[in-house]
Amino acid sequence: MGTRRAVVEQHLSDAKLKTEIKKADDPKVVRRLCFLNNLYAGDTILEAATRVGASRGIGSQWLERWNETGPTGLVPRFGGGKPPKLSHQQSRDLQRLLEEGQPWTTGEITRLIEDEFGVSYHPGHVGRMCRTVYGMSYAIPRPETPSRPENAEEILAERLDEALDEDTDEEAVDPGETIIGFF
């Protein structure tokens, strides 16, 4: 298995191929050129692909594209993915709406997008989109503790006064300093 040698079109000389590897700035292209360099050196498709961490099938695809079009066939053909559902202007309008009406839940944002722009998103995607595209962060609301007394601030002020009056040496404490402790 893997002993059959592939037919490789010599679009570039050995020296030119090595130069192209050094010049390439896309790591994917470098990897594919190294694969071709391994084939030039006599490796089978499986051996050459394994050396660069690719499968035999991917190596076969790279070789086929190389043989058909030369070095340009090794440039990734990624088309950029699916276009966004919101246009650039709609995205800016959404950001403005989000900034004006804070805070939001992902459910509220999902409904806002549907109502304003007629576009449906999954709430999980809305959360990711808000963090990555709009730079928003999330927080989990914390209700007040039920056992907290209504006059908690007054109690704290009294305890601070008591603590500061008890054992502080007026000369030892700088008026600008903050006193920390368990009161």
N, C-alpha and C. Protein backbone atom coordinates (compact mmCIF):
# COMPACT_ATOMS: atom_id res chain seq x y z
N MET A 1 0.84 -1.19 0.00
CA MET A 1 0.00 0.00 0.00
C MET A 1 0.87 1.24 0.00
N GLY A 2 0.59 2.22 -0.83
CA GLY A 2 1.33 3.47 -0.85
C GLY A 2 2.64 3.37 -1.60
N THR A 3 2.84 2.33 -2.42
CA THR A 3 4.11 2.18 -3.12
C THR A 3 4.05 2.74 -4.53
N ARG A 4 2.88 3.06 -5.01
CA ARG A 4 2.74 3.57 -6.37
C ARG A 4 3.19 5.02 -6.44
N ARG A 5 4.05 5.33 -7.35
CA ARG A 5 4.54 6.69 -7.53
C ARG A 5 3.56 7.48 -8.39
N ALA A 6 3.37 8.72 -8.01
CA ALA A 6 2.42 9.57 -8.73
C ALA A 6 3.12 10.26 -9.89
N VAL A 7 2.33 10.60 -10.90
CA VAL A 7 2.84 11.37 -12.02
C VAL A 7 2.75 12.84 -11.63
N VAL A 8 3.90 13.50 -11.56
CA VAL A 8 3.96 14.89 -11.12
C VAL A 8 4.46 15.74 -12.27
N GLU A 9 3.64 16.71 -12.69
CA GLU A 9 4.07 17.66 -13.72
C GLU A 9 5.16 18.54 -13.12
N GLN A 10 6.26 18.69 -13.83
CA GLN A 10 7.39 19.50 -13.35
C GLN A 10 7.20 20.95 -13.80
N HIS A 11 6.21 21.64 -13.18
CA HIS A 11 5.95 23.03 -13.53
C HIS A 11 7.11 23.93 -13.12
N LEU A 12 7.84 23.52 -12.09
CA LEU A 12 8.99 24.29 -11.59
C LEU A 12 10.17 23.35 -11.41
N SER A 13 11.35 23.89 -11.54
CA SER A 13 12.54 23.08 -11.25
C SER A 13 12.64 22.88 -9.74
N ASP A 14 13.50 21.94 -9.32
CA ASP A 14 13.69 21.71 -7.88
C ASP A 14 14.10 23.00 -7.17
N ALA A 15 15.05 23.70 -7.76
CA ALA A 15 15.54 24.94 -7.12
C ALA A 15 14.44 26.00 -7.06
N LYS A 16 13.67 26.15 -8.13
CA LYS A 16 12.59 27.14 -8.16
C LYS A 16 11.50 26.78 -7.16
N LEU A 17 11.20 25.49 -7.02
CA LEU A 17 10.20 25.05 -6.05
C LEU A 17 10.64 25.41 -4.64
N LYS A 18 11.91 25.17 -4.31
CA LYS A 18 12.43 25.51 -2.99
C LYS A 18 12.37 27.03 -2.75
N THR A 19 12.63 27.80 -3.79
CA THR A 19 12.54 29.26 -3.69
C THR A 19 11.10 29.69 -3.43
N GLU A 20 10.16 29.05 -4.11
CA GLU A 20 8.74 29.37 -3.92
C GLU A 20 8.29 29.05 -2.49
N ILE A 21 8.81 27.95 -1.94
CA ILE A 21 8.47 27.58 -0.56
C ILE A 21 8.94 28.69 0.38
N LYS A 22 10.15 29.20 0.16
CA LYS A 22 10.69 30.25 1.04
C LYS A 22 9.95 31.57 0.86
N LYS A 23 9.48 31.86 -0.35
CA LYS A 23 8.80 33.13 -0.62
C LYS A 23 7.34 33.15 -0.18
N ALA A 24 6.71 32.00 -0.15
CA ALA A 24 5.27 31.94 0.15
C ALA A 24 4.99 32.46 1.55
N ASP A 25 3.96 33.29 1.66
CA ASP A 25 3.62 33.85 2.97
C ASP A 25 2.37 33.21 3.58
N ASP A 26 1.64 32.42 2.82
CA ASP A 26 0.47 31.71 3.33
C ASP A 26 0.90 30.33 3.80
N PRO A 27 0.72 30.01 5.10
CA PRO A 27 1.16 28.70 5.59
C PRO A 27 0.52 27.52 4.86
N LYS A 28 -0.70 27.71 4.37
CA LYS A 28 -1.35 26.62 3.64
C LYS A 28 -0.63 26.35 2.32
N VAL A 29 -0.21 27.41 1.65
CA VAL A 29 0.52 27.25 0.39
C VAL A 29 1.89 26.62 0.65
N VAL A 30 2.56 27.05 1.73
CA VAL A 30 3.86 26.47 2.08
C VAL A 30 3.72 24.97 2.29
N ARG A 31 2.69 24.58 3.02
CA ARG A 31 2.46 23.15 3.30
C ARG A 31 2.25 22.38 2.00
N ARG A 32 1.50 22.93 1.09
CA ARG A 32 1.21 22.26 -0.18
C ARG A 32 2.46 22.19 -1.06
N LEU A 33 3.25 23.25 -1.05
CA LEU A 33 4.49 23.23 -1.81
C LEU A 33 5.48 22.22 -1.22
N CYS A 34 5.51 22.11 0.10
CA CYS A 34 6.37 21.10 0.74
C CYS A 34 5.91 19.69 0.34
N PHE A 35 4.61 19.49 0.25
CA PHE A 35 4.07 18.22 -0.23
C PHE A 35 4.61 17.93 -1.63
N LEU A 36 4.56 18.93 -2.51
CA LEU A 36 5.06 18.76 -3.87
C LEU A 36 6.56 18.51 -3.88
N ASN A 37 7.28 19.18 -3.01
CA ASN A 37 8.73 18.97 -2.91
C ASN A 37 9.01 17.52 -2.53
N ASN A 38 8.20 16.96 -1.62
CA ASN A 38 8.36 15.55 -1.24
C ASN A 38 8.09 14.63 -2.43
N LEU A 39 7.10 14.98 -3.25
CA LEU A 39 6.83 14.18 -4.45
C LEU A 39 7.99 14.29 -5.43
N TYR A 40 8.55 15.48 -5.59
CA TYR A 40 9.71 15.68 -6.45
C TYR A 40 10.87 14.79 -5.97
N ALA A 41 10.97 14.60 -4.65
CA ALA A 41 12.07 13.81 -4.07
C ALA A 41 11.83 12.31 -4.21
N GLY A 42 10.65 11.91 -4.71
CA GLY A 42 10.39 10.50 -4.95
C GLY A 42 9.41 9.85 -4.01
N ASP A 43 8.81 10.60 -3.08
CA ASP A 43 7.82 10.02 -2.17
C ASP A 43 6.56 9.64 -2.93
N THR A 44 5.84 8.67 -2.38
CA THR A 44 4.50 8.36 -2.89
C THR A 44 3.57 9.45 -2.36
N ILE A 45 2.34 9.49 -2.85
CA ILE A 45 1.37 10.48 -2.38
C ILE A 45 1.14 10.31 -0.88
N LEU A 46 1.00 9.07 -0.43
CA LEU A 46 0.78 8.81 1.00
C LEU A 46 1.96 9.28 1.83
N GLU A 47 3.16 8.96 1.41
CA GLU A 47 4.36 9.39 2.16
C GLU A 47 4.48 10.91 2.19
N ALA A 48 4.30 11.54 1.04
CA ALA A 48 4.43 13.00 0.96
C ALA A 48 3.36 13.69 1.80
N ALA A 49 2.13 13.17 1.73
CA ALA A 49 1.03 13.77 2.49
C ALA A 49 1.25 13.57 3.99
N THR A 50 1.69 12.39 4.39
CA THR A 50 1.93 12.11 5.80
C THR A 50 3.00 13.03 6.36
N ARG A 51 4.03 13.31 5.59
CA ARG A 51 5.11 14.19 6.05
C ARG A 51 4.62 15.61 6.37
N VAL A 52 3.59 16.05 5.68
CA VAL A 52 3.07 17.41 5.93
C VAL A 52 1.78 17.39 6.75
N GLY A 53 1.42 16.21 7.26
CA GLY A 53 0.25 16.11 8.13
C GLY A 53 -1.07 16.13 7.41
N ALA A 54 -1.09 15.61 6.19
CA ALA A 54 -2.34 15.57 5.41
C ALA A 54 -2.68 14.12 5.09
N SER A 55 -3.91 13.90 4.68
CA SER A 55 -4.33 12.55 4.30
C SER A 55 -3.94 12.29 2.85
N ARG A 56 -4.00 11.03 2.48
CA ARG A 56 -3.68 10.64 1.10
C ARG A 56 -4.67 11.29 0.13
N GLY A 57 -5.95 11.35 0.52
CA GLY A 57 -6.97 11.94 -0.36
C GLY A 57 -6.72 13.42 -0.60
N ILE A 58 -6.35 14.15 0.45
CA ILE A 58 -6.05 15.57 0.28
C ILE A 58 -4.82 15.74 -0.60
N GLY A 59 -3.81 14.89 -0.36
CA GLY A 59 -2.61 14.93 -1.20
C GLY A 59 -2.94 14.70 -2.66
N SER A 60 -3.84 13.77 -2.93
CA SER A 60 -4.26 13.49 -4.31
C SER A 60 -4.93 14.71 -4.92
N GLN A 61 -5.76 15.40 -4.12
CA GLN A 61 -6.42 16.62 -4.63
C GLN A 61 -5.38 17.70 -4.95
N TRP A 62 -4.42 17.89 -4.04
CA TRP A 62 -3.38 18.89 -4.28
C TRP A 62 -2.59 18.56 -5.55
N LEU A 63 -2.25 17.28 -5.70
CA LEU A 63 -1.48 16.87 -6.88
C LEU A 63 -2.29 17.10 -8.16
N GLU A 64 -3.55 16.77 -8.12
CA GLU A 64 -4.40 16.97 -9.30
C GLU A 64 -4.46 18.45 -9.68
N ARG A 65 -4.63 19.30 -8.70
CA ARG A 65 -4.68 20.74 -8.97
C ARG A 65 -3.33 21.25 -9.45
N TRP A 66 -2.25 20.72 -8.89
CA TRP A 66 -0.90 21.11 -9.33
C TRP A 66 -0.69 20.70 -10.79
N ASN A 67 -1.04 19.48 -11.11
CA ASN A 67 -0.84 19.00 -12.48
C ASN A 67 -1.67 19.78 -13.48
N GLU A 68 -2.85 20.23 -13.09
CA GLU A 68 -3.72 20.98 -14.01
C GLU A 68 -3.30 22.42 -14.18
N THR A 69 -2.97 23.10 -13.07
CA THR A 69 -2.75 24.55 -13.15
C THR A 69 -1.41 25.04 -12.59
N GLY A 70 -0.59 24.15 -12.08
CA GLY A 70 0.70 24.56 -11.54
C GLY A 70 0.56 25.21 -10.17
N PRO A 71 1.47 26.11 -9.83
CA PRO A 71 1.48 26.72 -8.48
C PRO A 71 0.18 27.43 -8.11
N THR A 72 -0.51 28.00 -9.06
CA THR A 72 -1.76 28.69 -8.73
C THR A 72 -2.83 27.72 -8.23
N GLY A 73 -2.72 26.46 -8.58
CA GLY A 73 -3.67 25.46 -8.11
C GLY A 73 -3.54 25.14 -6.64
N LEU A 74 -2.44 25.53 -6.03
CA LEU A 74 -2.23 25.26 -4.61
C LEU A 74 -2.74 26.38 -3.71
N VAL A 75 -3.17 27.48 -4.29
CA VAL A 75 -3.71 28.58 -3.50
C VAL A 75 -5.10 28.17 -3.02
N PRO A 76 -5.37 28.29 -1.71
CA PRO A 76 -6.68 27.90 -1.19
C PRO A 76 -7.82 28.61 -1.91
N ARG A 77 -8.88 27.88 -2.14
CA ARG A 77 -10.02 28.42 -2.89
C ARG A 77 -11.20 28.74 -1.99
N PHE A 78 -10.94 29.13 -0.77
CA PHE A 78 -12.02 29.44 0.16
C PHE A 78 -12.72 30.71 -0.31
N GLY A 79 -14.03 30.64 -0.44
CA GLY A 79 -14.80 31.75 -0.96
C GLY A 79 -15.25 32.75 0.09
N GLY A 80 -14.84 32.61 1.34
CA GLY A 80 -15.21 33.57 2.36
C GLY A 80 -16.41 33.15 3.18
N GLY A 81 -17.01 32.03 2.87
CA GLY A 81 -18.14 31.56 3.67
C GLY A 81 -19.46 32.17 3.24
N LYS A 82 -20.46 31.84 4.00
CA LYS A 82 -21.80 32.32 3.71
C LYS A 82 -21.88 33.81 4.04
N PRO A 83 -22.50 34.61 3.17
CA PRO A 83 -22.60 36.04 3.46
C PRO A 83 -23.46 36.30 4.69
N PRO A 84 -23.18 37.38 5.42
CA PRO A 84 -23.96 37.67 6.61
C PRO A 84 -25.42 37.98 6.26
N LYS A 85 -26.31 37.68 7.20
CA LYS A 85 -27.74 37.94 6.98
C LYS A 85 -28.05 39.43 7.04
N LEU A 86 -27.30 40.17 7.87
CA LEU A 86 -27.50 41.61 7.97
C LEU A 86 -26.50 42.33 7.08
N SER A 87 -26.97 43.33 6.36
CA SER A 87 -26.06 44.13 5.55
C SER A 87 -25.16 44.95 6.48
N HIS A 88 -24.15 45.57 5.90
CA HIS A 88 -23.24 46.39 6.70
C HIS A 88 -24.01 47.53 7.38
N GLN A 89 -24.91 48.17 6.65
CA GLN A 89 -25.70 49.27 7.21
C GLN A 89 -26.63 48.76 8.32
N GLN A 90 -27.27 47.62 8.09
CA GLN A 90 -28.15 47.05 9.11
C GLN A 90 -27.36 46.70 10.38
N SER A 91 -26.16 46.20 10.20
CA SER A 91 -25.32 45.87 11.34
C SER A 91 -24.97 47.12 12.15
N ARG A 92 -24.66 48.21 11.45
CA ARG A 92 -24.38 49.48 12.15
C ARG A 92 -25.63 49.99 12.86
N ASP A 93 -26.79 49.87 12.21
CA ASP A 93 -28.04 50.29 12.85
C ASP A 93 -28.33 49.45 14.09
N LEU A 94 -28.08 48.15 14.00
CA LEU A 94 -28.29 47.27 15.16
C LEU A 94 -27.36 47.68 16.30
N GLN A 95 -26.12 47.97 15.98
CA GLN A 95 -25.18 48.37 17.04
C GLN A 95 -25.67 49.65 17.74
N ARG A 96 -26.17 50.59 16.96
CA ARG A 96 -26.69 51.83 17.53
C ARG A 96 -27.88 51.54 18.45
N LEU A 97 -28.78 50.69 18.00
CA LEU A 97 -29.94 50.32 18.82
C LEU A 97 -29.51 49.62 20.11
N LEU A 98 -28.52 48.75 20.01
CA LEU A 98 -28.05 48.03 21.19
C LEU A 98 -27.39 48.98 22.19
N GLU A 99 -26.65 49.96 21.68
CA GLU A 99 -25.99 50.91 22.57
C GLU A 99 -27.00 51.80 23.28
N GLU A 100 -28.08 52.14 22.59
CA GLU A 100 -29.08 53.03 23.17
C GLU A 100 -29.94 52.35 24.23
N GLY A 101 -30.22 51.07 24.07
CA GLY A 101 -31.19 50.43 24.95
C GLY A 101 -30.63 49.45 25.95
N GLN A 102 -29.39 49.58 26.35
CA GLN A 102 -28.78 48.61 27.27
C GLN A 102 -29.48 48.58 28.61
N PRO A 103 -29.41 47.52 29.34
CA PRO A 103 -28.88 46.19 29.03
C PRO A 103 -29.91 45.33 28.29
N TRP A 104 -29.43 44.27 27.67
CA TRP A 104 -30.26 43.40 26.86
C TRP A 104 -30.07 41.95 27.27
N THR A 105 -31.05 41.12 26.99
CA THR A 105 -30.86 39.67 27.05
C THR A 105 -30.73 39.19 25.61
N THR A 106 -30.17 38.01 25.41
CA THR A 106 -30.04 37.51 24.05
C THR A 106 -31.41 37.29 23.41
N GLY A 107 -32.38 36.91 24.21
CA GLY A 107 -33.75 36.74 23.67
C GLY A 107 -34.31 38.06 23.17
N GLU A 108 -34.08 39.12 23.94
CA GLU A 108 -34.56 40.45 23.51
C GLU A 108 -33.86 40.90 22.23
N ILE A 109 -32.56 40.64 22.14
CA ILE A 109 -31.82 41.04 20.93
C ILE A 109 -32.31 40.23 19.73
N THR A 110 -32.55 38.94 19.94
CA THR A 110 -33.06 38.09 18.87
C THR A 110 -34.39 38.63 18.34
N ARG A 111 -35.30 38.98 19.26
CA ARG A 111 -36.59 39.55 18.84
C ARG A 111 -36.42 40.92 18.18
N LEU A 112 -35.49 41.73 18.69
CA LEU A 112 -35.23 43.04 18.09
C LEU A 112 -34.78 42.89 16.64
N ILE A 113 -33.86 41.96 16.39
CA ILE A 113 -33.37 41.75 15.03
C ILE A 113 -34.49 41.28 14.12
N GLU A 114 -35.35 40.39 14.63
CA GLU A 114 -36.48 39.92 13.82
C GLU A 114 -37.45 41.05 13.52
N ASP A 115 -37.76 41.87 14.55
CA ASP A 115 -38.73 42.96 14.37
C ASP A 115 -38.19 44.07 13.47
N GLU A 116 -36.94 44.45 13.67
CA GLU A 116 -36.38 45.59 12.93
C GLU A 116 -35.91 45.24 11.51
N PHE A 117 -35.34 44.03 11.36
CA PHE A 117 -34.70 43.71 10.09
C PHE A 117 -35.28 42.49 9.39
N GLY A 118 -36.21 41.78 10.05
CA GLY A 118 -36.83 40.61 9.43
C GLY A 118 -35.88 39.44 9.26
N VAL A 119 -34.88 39.35 10.13
CA VAL A 119 -33.87 38.31 10.03
C VAL A 119 -33.91 37.45 11.29
N SER A 120 -33.83 36.13 11.13
CA SER A 120 -33.86 35.23 12.28
C SER A 120 -32.47 34.70 12.59
N TYR A 121 -32.11 34.76 13.86
CA TYR A 121 -30.87 34.17 14.36
C TYR A 121 -31.19 33.31 15.56
N HIS A 122 -30.39 32.29 15.78
CA HIS A 122 -30.50 31.49 17.00
C HIS A 122 -29.95 32.32 18.15
N PRO A 123 -30.61 32.30 19.33
CA PRO A 123 -30.12 33.10 20.47
C PRO A 123 -28.67 32.83 20.84
N GLY A 124 -28.21 31.58 20.66
CA GLY A 124 -26.80 31.27 20.93
C GLY A 124 -25.87 32.02 20.00
N HIS A 125 -26.27 32.14 18.73
CA HIS A 125 -25.46 32.88 17.77
C HIS A 125 -25.50 34.37 18.09
N VAL A 126 -26.64 34.86 18.53
CA VAL A 126 -26.77 36.28 18.87
C VAL A 126 -25.78 36.64 19.98
N GLY A 127 -25.64 35.78 20.98
CA GLY A 127 -24.69 36.04 22.06
C GLY A 127 -23.27 36.11 21.55
N ARG A 128 -22.88 35.15 20.69
CA ARG A 128 -21.52 35.16 20.11
C ARG A 128 -21.32 36.39 19.24
N MET A 129 -22.32 36.72 18.44
CA MET A 129 -22.22 37.86 17.55
C MET A 129 -22.06 39.16 18.35
N CYS A 130 -22.81 39.29 19.43
CA CYS A 130 -22.72 40.51 20.24
C CYS A 130 -21.34 40.65 20.87
N ARG A 131 -20.75 39.53 21.28
CA ARG A 131 -19.42 39.60 21.88
C ARG A 131 -18.35 39.86 20.84
N THR A 132 -18.38 39.13 19.71
CA THR A 132 -17.30 39.24 18.73
C THR A 132 -17.43 40.43 17.79
N VAL A 133 -18.63 40.70 17.32
CA VAL A 133 -18.82 41.77 16.33
C VAL A 133 -18.98 43.13 16.99
N TYR A 134 -19.78 43.17 18.07
CA TYR A 134 -20.11 44.46 18.67
C TYR A 134 -19.32 44.76 19.94
N GLY A 135 -18.50 43.82 20.39
CA GLY A 135 -17.67 44.05 21.56
C GLY A 135 -18.43 44.13 22.87
N MET A 136 -19.61 43.55 22.90
CA MET A 136 -20.40 43.57 24.13
C MET A 136 -19.90 42.47 25.06
N SER A 137 -20.14 42.63 26.34
CA SER A 137 -19.82 41.59 27.29
C SER A 137 -21.09 41.24 28.04
N TYR A 138 -21.07 40.10 28.68
CA TYR A 138 -22.29 39.68 29.37
C TYR A 138 -22.06 39.65 30.87
N ALA A 139 -23.13 39.75 31.57
CA ALA A 139 -23.11 39.65 33.03
C ALA A 139 -24.37 38.92 33.46
N ILE A 140 -24.25 38.18 34.53
CA ILE A 140 -25.41 37.48 35.07
C ILE A 140 -25.99 38.35 36.17
N PRO A 141 -27.26 38.73 36.05
CA PRO A 141 -27.84 39.60 37.07
C PRO A 141 -27.91 38.88 38.41
N ARG A 142 -27.54 39.58 39.44
CA ARG A 142 -27.57 39.04 40.80
C ARG A 142 -28.60 39.81 41.61
N PRO A 143 -29.67 39.14 42.05
CA PRO A 143 -30.65 39.84 42.87
C PRO A 143 -30.05 40.11 44.25
N GLU A 144 -30.62 41.08 44.92
CA GLU A 144 -30.15 41.37 46.27
C GLU A 144 -30.44 40.20 47.18
N THR A 145 -29.58 40.01 48.16
CA THR A 145 -29.75 38.93 49.13
C THR A 145 -31.01 39.19 49.95
N PRO A 146 -31.90 38.22 50.05
CA PRO A 146 -33.15 38.42 50.81
C PRO A 146 -32.90 38.72 52.29
N SER A 147 -31.79 38.23 52.81
CA SER A 147 -31.52 38.46 54.23
C SER A 147 -30.87 39.81 54.51
N ARG A 148 -30.61 40.58 53.47
CA ARG A 148 -29.98 41.89 53.65
C ARG A 148 -30.98 42.84 54.30
N PRO A 149 -30.57 43.49 55.41
CA PRO A 149 -31.49 44.44 56.06
C PRO A 149 -31.69 45.68 55.19
N GLU A 150 -32.84 46.31 55.34
CA GLU A 150 -33.15 47.50 54.54
C GLU A 150 -32.20 48.65 54.83
N ASN A 151 -31.69 48.69 56.06
CA ASN A 151 -30.81 49.79 56.44
C ASN A 151 -29.34 49.34 56.48
N ALA A 152 -28.93 48.51 55.52
CA ALA A 152 -27.59 47.94 55.50
C ALA A 152 -26.51 49.02 55.45
N GLU A 153 -26.74 50.08 54.67
CA GLU A 153 -25.75 51.14 54.56
C GLU A 153 -25.56 51.85 55.90
N GLU A 154 -26.66 52.07 56.62
CA GLU A 154 -26.57 52.72 57.94
C GLU A 154 -25.80 51.85 58.93
N ILE A 155 -26.08 50.55 58.92
CA ILE A 155 -25.38 49.63 59.81
C ILE A 155 -23.88 49.63 59.50
N LEU A 156 -23.55 49.61 58.22
CA LEU A 156 -22.14 49.64 57.83
C LEU A 156 -21.48 50.92 58.31
N ALA A 157 -22.13 52.07 58.13
CA ALA A 157 -21.56 53.35 58.57
C ALA A 157 -21.33 53.36 60.07
N GLU A 158 -22.31 52.84 60.84
CA GLU A 158 -22.15 52.78 62.29
C GLU A 158 -20.98 51.89 62.69
N ARG A 159 -20.89 50.73 62.07
CA ARG A 159 -19.80 49.81 62.41
C ARG A 159 -18.44 50.40 62.04
N LEU A 160 -18.39 51.09 60.93
CA LEU A 160 -17.13 51.75 60.56
C LEU A 160 -16.75 52.80 61.58
N ASP A 161 -17.73 53.61 61.97
CA ASP A 161 -17.45 54.64 62.98
C ASP A 161 -16.95 54.01 64.28
N GLU A 162 -17.62 52.95 64.71
CA GLU A 162 -17.22 52.26 65.94
C GLU A 162 -15.81 51.70 65.81
N ALA A 163 -15.53 51.06 64.68
CA ALA A 163 -14.22 50.46 64.50
C ALA A 163 -13.12 51.51 64.43
N LEU A 164 -13.42 52.61 63.79
CA LEU A 164 -12.40 53.65 63.66
C LEU A 164 -12.19 54.39 64.97
N ASP A 165 -13.23 54.48 65.80
CA ASP A 165 -13.11 55.16 67.09
C ASP A 165 -12.38 54.32 68.12
N GLU A 166 -12.49 52.98 68.06
CA GLU A 166 -11.97 52.12 69.11
C GLU A 166 -10.46 52.14 69.23
N ASP A 167 -9.76 51.61 68.26
CA ASP A 167 -8.33 51.35 68.41
C ASP A 167 -7.45 52.14 67.46
N THR A 168 -7.90 53.19 66.92
CA THR A 168 -7.06 53.93 66.01
C THR A 168 -6.33 55.04 66.73
N ASP A 169 -5.12 55.19 66.38
CA ASP A 169 -4.30 56.26 66.91
C ASP A 169 -4.39 57.38 65.88
N GLU A 170 -4.97 58.50 66.28
CA GLU A 170 -5.21 59.62 65.35
C GLU A 170 -3.94 59.99 64.60
N GLU A 171 -2.79 59.97 65.25
CA GLU A 171 -1.55 60.37 64.60
C GLU A 171 -1.03 59.29 63.66
N ALA A 172 -1.34 58.02 63.93
CA ALA A 172 -0.82 56.92 63.12
C ALA A 172 -1.56 56.77 61.80
N VAL A 173 -2.78 57.28 61.73
CA VAL A 173 -3.58 57.13 60.51
C VAL A 173 -3.54 58.42 59.71
N ASP A 174 -3.10 58.26 58.49
CA ASP A 174 -3.07 59.39 57.56
C ASP A 174 -4.49 59.66 57.10
N PRO A 175 -4.95 60.90 57.07
CA PRO A 175 -6.34 61.17 56.69
C PRO A 175 -6.71 60.68 55.29
N GLY A 176 -5.74 60.56 54.37
CA GLY A 176 -6.02 60.10 53.02
C GLY A 176 -6.02 58.60 52.88
N GLU A 177 -5.63 57.85 53.93
CA GLU A 177 -5.54 56.40 53.84
C GLU A 177 -6.91 55.75 54.01
N THR A 178 -7.02 54.56 53.47
CA THR A 178 -8.22 53.76 53.62
C THR A 178 -7.94 52.69 54.65
N ILE A 179 -8.85 52.50 55.58
CA ILE A 179 -8.70 51.48 56.61
C ILE A 179 -9.52 50.27 56.19
N ILE A 180 -8.88 49.10 56.23
CA ILE A 180 -9.54 47.88 55.80
C ILE A 180 -9.60 46.94 56.98
N GLY A 181 -10.70 46.22 57.11
CA GLY A 181 -10.81 45.23 58.18
C GLY A 181 -12.12 44.51 58.10
N PHE A 182 -12.36 43.60 59.04
CA PHE A 182 -13.63 42.88 59.13
C PHE A 182 -14.46 43.56 60.19
N PHE A 183 -15.48 44.28 59.81
CA PHE A 183 -16.28 45.07 60.77
C PHE A 183 -17.59 44.41 61.06
